[in-house]
N, C-alpha and C. Protein backbone atom coordinates (compact mmCIF):
# COMPACT_ATOMS: atom_id res chain seq x y z
N MET A 1 66.77 98.27 -21.24
CA MET A 1 66.46 98.86 -22.53
C MET A 1 65.44 97.97 -23.24
N LYS A 2 64.46 98.57 -23.84
CA LYS A 2 63.42 97.83 -24.57
C LYS A 2 63.73 97.86 -26.06
N TYR A 3 63.38 96.77 -26.72
CA TYR A 3 63.57 96.63 -28.15
C TYR A 3 62.22 96.38 -28.80
N LYS A 4 61.97 97.04 -29.90
CA LYS A 4 60.72 96.86 -30.63
C LYS A 4 60.94 95.83 -31.73
N ILE A 5 60.11 94.80 -31.76
CA ILE A 5 60.21 93.76 -32.79
C ILE A 5 59.68 94.32 -34.10
N THR A 6 60.54 94.24 -35.13
CA THR A 6 60.16 94.76 -36.45
C THR A 6 59.99 93.66 -37.49
N GLY A 7 60.36 92.43 -37.15
CA GLY A 7 60.21 91.33 -38.09
C GLY A 7 60.43 89.98 -37.45
N GLN A 8 59.74 88.98 -37.97
CA GLN A 8 59.90 87.59 -37.52
C GLN A 8 60.78 86.89 -38.55
N ILE A 9 61.87 86.27 -38.10
CA ILE A 9 62.84 85.69 -39.02
C ILE A 9 62.66 84.18 -39.17
N SER A 10 62.79 83.43 -38.06
CA SER A 10 62.78 81.97 -38.18
C SER A 10 62.42 81.31 -36.86
N ILE A 11 62.05 80.03 -36.96
CA ILE A 11 61.84 79.17 -35.80
C ILE A 11 62.69 77.92 -36.02
N THR A 12 63.51 77.57 -35.03
CA THR A 12 64.35 76.39 -35.10
C THR A 12 63.94 75.43 -33.99
N ALA A 13 63.58 74.21 -34.37
CA ALA A 13 63.23 73.17 -33.39
C ALA A 13 64.51 72.64 -32.74
N CYS A 14 64.44 72.37 -31.41
CA CYS A 14 65.60 71.87 -30.67
C CYS A 14 65.18 70.71 -29.78
N ASN A 15 66.13 69.80 -29.54
CA ASN A 15 65.85 68.70 -28.62
C ASN A 15 66.10 69.16 -27.19
N THR A 16 66.04 68.26 -26.24
CA THR A 16 66.19 68.63 -24.83
C THR A 16 67.58 69.16 -24.49
N CYS A 17 68.58 68.86 -25.32
CA CYS A 17 69.94 69.36 -25.12
C CYS A 17 70.19 70.65 -25.87
N MET A 18 69.15 71.23 -26.44
CA MET A 18 69.22 72.47 -27.21
C MET A 18 70.02 72.32 -28.50
N ILE A 19 70.01 71.12 -29.06
CA ILE A 19 70.63 70.87 -30.35
C ILE A 19 69.54 71.00 -31.41
N PRO A 20 69.78 71.80 -32.47
CA PRO A 20 68.76 71.94 -33.52
C PRO A 20 68.39 70.60 -34.14
N VAL A 21 67.11 70.43 -34.44
CA VAL A 21 66.57 69.20 -35.00
C VAL A 21 65.91 69.53 -36.34
N ASP A 22 66.25 68.75 -37.37
CA ASP A 22 65.60 68.90 -38.67
C ASP A 22 64.34 68.03 -38.67
N LEU A 23 63.19 68.67 -38.56
CA LEU A 23 61.93 67.94 -38.44
C LEU A 23 61.63 67.07 -39.65
N ALA A 24 62.15 67.45 -40.81
CA ALA A 24 61.87 66.71 -42.04
C ALA A 24 62.71 65.43 -42.15
N ARG A 25 63.79 65.33 -41.39
CA ARG A 25 64.73 64.22 -41.57
C ARG A 25 64.93 63.35 -40.33
N THR A 26 64.23 63.63 -39.24
CA THR A 26 64.47 62.85 -38.03
C THR A 26 63.19 62.67 -37.23
N SER A 27 63.19 61.65 -36.43
CA SER A 27 62.07 61.44 -35.51
C SER A 27 62.49 61.80 -34.09
N GLU A 28 63.62 62.47 -33.95
CA GLU A 28 64.14 62.84 -32.64
C GLU A 28 63.13 63.72 -31.91
N TYR A 29 63.06 63.54 -30.60
CA TYR A 29 62.12 64.27 -29.77
C TYR A 29 62.43 65.76 -29.78
N VAL A 30 61.42 66.57 -30.03
CA VAL A 30 61.56 68.02 -30.05
C VAL A 30 60.94 68.59 -28.78
N GLU A 31 61.72 69.37 -28.06
CA GLU A 31 61.26 69.93 -26.79
C GLU A 31 61.07 71.44 -26.88
N TYR A 32 62.01 72.14 -27.48
CA TYR A 32 62.02 73.60 -27.47
C TYR A 32 62.06 74.17 -28.89
N GLN A 33 61.86 75.47 -28.97
CA GLN A 33 62.09 76.18 -30.22
C GLN A 33 62.80 77.49 -29.91
N ILE A 34 63.70 77.85 -30.81
CA ILE A 34 64.37 79.14 -30.76
C ILE A 34 63.76 79.99 -31.86
N GLU A 35 63.21 81.12 -31.47
CA GLU A 35 62.58 82.03 -32.43
C GLU A 35 63.51 83.23 -32.63
N MET A 36 63.69 83.64 -33.86
CA MET A 36 64.54 84.79 -34.15
C MET A 36 63.71 85.93 -34.70
N TYR A 37 64.05 87.14 -34.23
CA TYR A 37 63.32 88.36 -34.59
C TYR A 37 64.30 89.47 -34.96
N ARG A 38 63.84 90.39 -35.80
CA ARG A 38 64.56 91.64 -36.05
C ARG A 38 64.01 92.69 -35.10
N THR A 39 64.86 93.68 -34.78
CA THR A 39 64.41 94.76 -33.90
C THR A 39 64.70 96.11 -34.53
N ASP A 40 64.23 97.15 -33.84
CA ASP A 40 64.45 98.51 -34.31
C ASP A 40 65.86 99.01 -34.02
N LYS A 41 66.64 98.24 -33.31
CA LYS A 41 68.02 98.62 -32.99
C LYS A 41 68.96 97.94 -33.97
N TYR A 42 68.99 98.39 -35.20
CA TYR A 42 69.80 97.78 -36.25
C TYR A 42 71.24 97.67 -35.80
N PRO A 43 71.93 96.58 -36.06
CA PRO A 43 71.52 95.37 -36.79
C PRO A 43 71.06 94.25 -35.86
N TRP A 44 70.48 94.59 -34.75
CA TRP A 44 70.14 93.60 -33.74
C TRP A 44 69.15 92.56 -34.21
N GLU A 45 69.53 91.31 -33.98
CA GLU A 45 68.60 90.20 -34.07
C GLU A 45 68.55 89.59 -32.68
N ILE A 46 67.35 89.29 -32.21
CA ILE A 46 67.18 88.73 -30.89
C ILE A 46 66.43 87.41 -30.99
N GLY A 47 66.52 86.62 -29.95
CA GLY A 47 65.85 85.32 -29.95
C GLY A 47 64.92 85.15 -28.78
N ALA A 48 64.07 84.16 -28.87
CA ALA A 48 63.19 83.77 -27.77
C ALA A 48 63.24 82.25 -27.66
N LEU A 49 63.19 81.77 -26.44
CA LEU A 49 63.15 80.33 -26.17
C LEU A 49 61.76 79.99 -25.67
N ASN A 50 61.16 78.95 -26.25
CA ASN A 50 59.84 78.51 -25.81
C ASN A 50 59.68 77.02 -26.06
N LYS A 51 58.63 76.43 -25.47
CA LYS A 51 58.25 75.07 -25.80
C LYS A 51 57.91 75.02 -27.27
N TYR A 52 58.21 73.91 -27.93
CA TYR A 52 57.96 73.82 -29.37
C TYR A 52 56.46 73.79 -29.67
N ASN A 53 56.04 74.70 -30.56
CA ASN A 53 54.69 74.66 -31.11
C ASN A 53 54.68 75.11 -32.57
N GLY A 54 55.85 75.50 -33.09
CA GLY A 54 55.97 75.89 -34.48
C GLY A 54 55.43 77.26 -34.82
N LYS A 55 55.08 78.06 -33.81
CA LYS A 55 54.53 79.40 -34.04
C LYS A 55 55.34 80.44 -33.29
N PHE A 56 55.39 81.65 -33.86
CA PHE A 56 56.07 82.75 -33.19
C PHE A 56 55.30 83.16 -31.95
N SER A 57 56.02 83.51 -30.90
CA SER A 57 55.40 83.93 -29.64
C SER A 57 55.18 85.43 -29.56
N TYR A 58 55.88 86.18 -30.40
CA TYR A 58 55.79 87.64 -30.35
C TYR A 58 55.40 88.19 -31.71
N SER A 59 54.63 89.26 -31.68
CA SER A 59 54.16 89.91 -32.90
C SER A 59 55.04 91.11 -33.22
N VAL A 60 55.02 91.51 -34.49
CA VAL A 60 55.71 92.73 -34.90
C VAL A 60 55.08 93.89 -34.14
N GLY A 61 55.94 94.75 -33.60
CA GLY A 61 55.49 95.91 -32.84
C GLY A 61 55.59 95.75 -31.34
N GLU A 62 55.73 94.52 -30.85
CA GLU A 62 55.83 94.32 -29.40
C GLU A 62 57.17 94.83 -28.88
N GLN A 63 57.16 95.35 -27.66
CA GLN A 63 58.35 95.83 -26.98
C GLN A 63 58.83 94.75 -26.02
N VAL A 64 60.12 94.42 -26.06
CA VAL A 64 60.67 93.36 -25.21
C VAL A 64 62.00 93.78 -24.62
N GLY A 65 62.33 93.21 -23.48
CA GLY A 65 63.65 93.35 -22.89
C GLY A 65 64.46 92.10 -23.21
N ILE A 66 65.77 92.20 -23.13
CA ILE A 66 66.61 91.04 -23.46
C ILE A 66 67.64 90.77 -22.37
N ILE A 67 68.13 89.54 -22.37
CA ILE A 67 69.30 89.14 -21.57
C ILE A 67 70.42 88.89 -22.57
N GLY A 68 71.57 89.46 -22.33
CA GLY A 68 72.66 89.44 -23.30
C GLY A 68 73.27 88.09 -23.60
N LEU A 69 73.36 87.19 -22.60
CA LEU A 69 74.06 85.93 -22.80
C LEU A 69 73.48 84.86 -21.88
N ILE A 70 73.12 83.71 -22.46
CA ILE A 70 72.57 82.58 -21.71
C ILE A 70 73.30 81.31 -22.14
N VAL A 71 73.77 80.54 -21.17
CA VAL A 71 74.31 79.21 -21.46
C VAL A 71 73.13 78.26 -21.37
N ALA A 72 72.86 77.51 -22.42
CA ALA A 72 71.67 76.66 -22.49
C ALA A 72 71.61 75.66 -21.35
N ASP A 73 72.72 75.00 -21.04
CA ASP A 73 72.75 74.05 -19.93
C ASP A 73 74.12 74.10 -19.28
N PRO A 74 74.25 74.82 -18.17
CA PRO A 74 75.57 75.03 -17.56
C PRO A 74 76.24 73.75 -17.07
N ARG A 75 75.52 72.62 -17.04
CA ARG A 75 76.11 71.36 -16.58
C ARG A 75 77.06 70.77 -17.62
N TYR A 76 76.95 71.21 -18.87
CA TYR A 76 77.74 70.61 -19.95
C TYR A 76 78.71 71.63 -20.54
N THR A 77 79.95 71.20 -20.70
CA THR A 77 81.00 72.08 -21.20
C THR A 77 80.70 72.62 -22.58
N ASN A 78 80.18 71.78 -23.47
CA ASN A 78 79.93 72.21 -24.84
C ASN A 78 78.49 72.65 -25.09
N SER A 79 77.82 73.08 -24.05
CA SER A 79 76.44 73.51 -24.19
C SER A 79 76.34 74.77 -25.06
N PRO A 80 75.31 74.86 -25.91
CA PRO A 80 75.15 76.06 -26.73
C PRO A 80 75.00 77.31 -25.87
N THR A 81 75.46 78.42 -26.40
CA THR A 81 75.32 79.71 -25.75
C THR A 81 74.45 80.59 -26.64
N PHE A 82 73.45 81.21 -26.04
CA PHE A 82 72.54 82.07 -26.79
C PHE A 82 72.79 83.52 -26.43
N LYS A 83 72.80 84.37 -27.43
CA LYS A 83 72.99 85.80 -27.22
C LYS A 83 71.69 86.55 -27.48
N ASN A 84 71.45 87.57 -26.68
CA ASN A 84 70.34 88.51 -26.88
C ASN A 84 68.98 87.80 -26.92
N MET A 85 68.68 87.11 -25.82
CA MET A 85 67.42 86.38 -25.71
C MET A 85 66.39 87.24 -25.00
N ILE A 86 65.14 87.14 -25.45
CA ILE A 86 64.05 87.90 -24.85
C ILE A 86 63.85 87.42 -23.41
N ASP A 87 63.85 88.38 -22.50
CA ASP A 87 63.69 88.09 -21.08
C ASP A 87 62.20 88.00 -20.76
N ASP A 88 61.68 86.77 -20.76
CA ASP A 88 60.26 86.58 -20.46
C ASP A 88 60.11 85.49 -19.40
N LYS A 89 58.88 85.19 -19.02
CA LYS A 89 58.62 84.22 -17.96
C LYS A 89 59.15 82.83 -18.32
N PHE A 90 58.99 82.41 -19.58
CA PHE A 90 59.46 81.09 -19.97
C PHE A 90 60.98 80.98 -19.80
N LEU A 91 61.71 81.98 -20.25
CA LEU A 91 63.17 81.96 -20.12
C LEU A 91 63.58 81.95 -18.66
N GLN A 92 62.94 82.74 -17.83
CA GLN A 92 63.28 82.76 -16.40
C GLN A 92 63.01 81.40 -15.75
N ASN A 93 61.90 80.77 -16.11
CA ASN A 93 61.61 79.43 -15.59
C ASN A 93 62.65 78.42 -16.07
N TYR A 94 63.07 78.52 -17.32
CA TYR A 94 64.09 77.64 -17.86
C TYR A 94 65.41 77.81 -17.09
N ILE A 95 65.82 79.05 -16.88
CA ILE A 95 67.07 79.33 -16.15
C ILE A 95 66.98 78.79 -14.73
N ASN A 96 65.87 79.05 -14.04
CA ASN A 96 65.71 78.57 -12.67
C ASN A 96 65.72 77.05 -12.60
N ASN A 97 65.12 76.38 -13.58
CA ASN A 97 65.11 74.93 -13.61
C ASN A 97 66.52 74.37 -13.81
N GLN A 98 67.32 75.01 -14.66
CA GLN A 98 68.69 74.55 -14.88
C GLN A 98 69.53 74.67 -13.62
N ARG A 99 69.28 75.69 -12.83
CA ARG A 99 70.05 75.88 -11.59
C ARG A 99 69.70 74.85 -10.54
N ARG A 100 68.48 74.30 -10.60
CA ARG A 100 68.06 73.31 -9.61
C ARG A 100 68.53 71.89 -9.95
N GLN A 101 69.01 71.69 -11.16
CA GLN A 101 69.43 70.36 -11.58
C GLN A 101 70.72 69.97 -10.86
N PRO A 102 70.85 68.68 -10.48
CA PRO A 102 72.10 68.23 -9.86
C PRO A 102 73.26 68.31 -10.85
N ARG A 103 74.44 68.56 -10.34
CA ARG A 103 75.62 68.66 -11.20
C ARG A 103 76.54 67.51 -10.95
């Protein structure tokens, strides 16, 4: 099922463990960003995972597919879980990389 992006909500900086980082209060290394969007399927909000650059990756009006549930790092018990993430090349590369990591 495709979802049409109707609004850009927020960008959250995250470190390598997918823990949100407050850029104004820390010098901690920022690796990724979680972008949040509104869609035409009310009340759906969806996210995207990308390398940090502080900019939205998708424009209003774009059609995207999603993956319902992603564990950020399956090696750790308390790893964040993301719901309704945009299924794109970056996310697939991230998932494949996590599977190749030693446990």
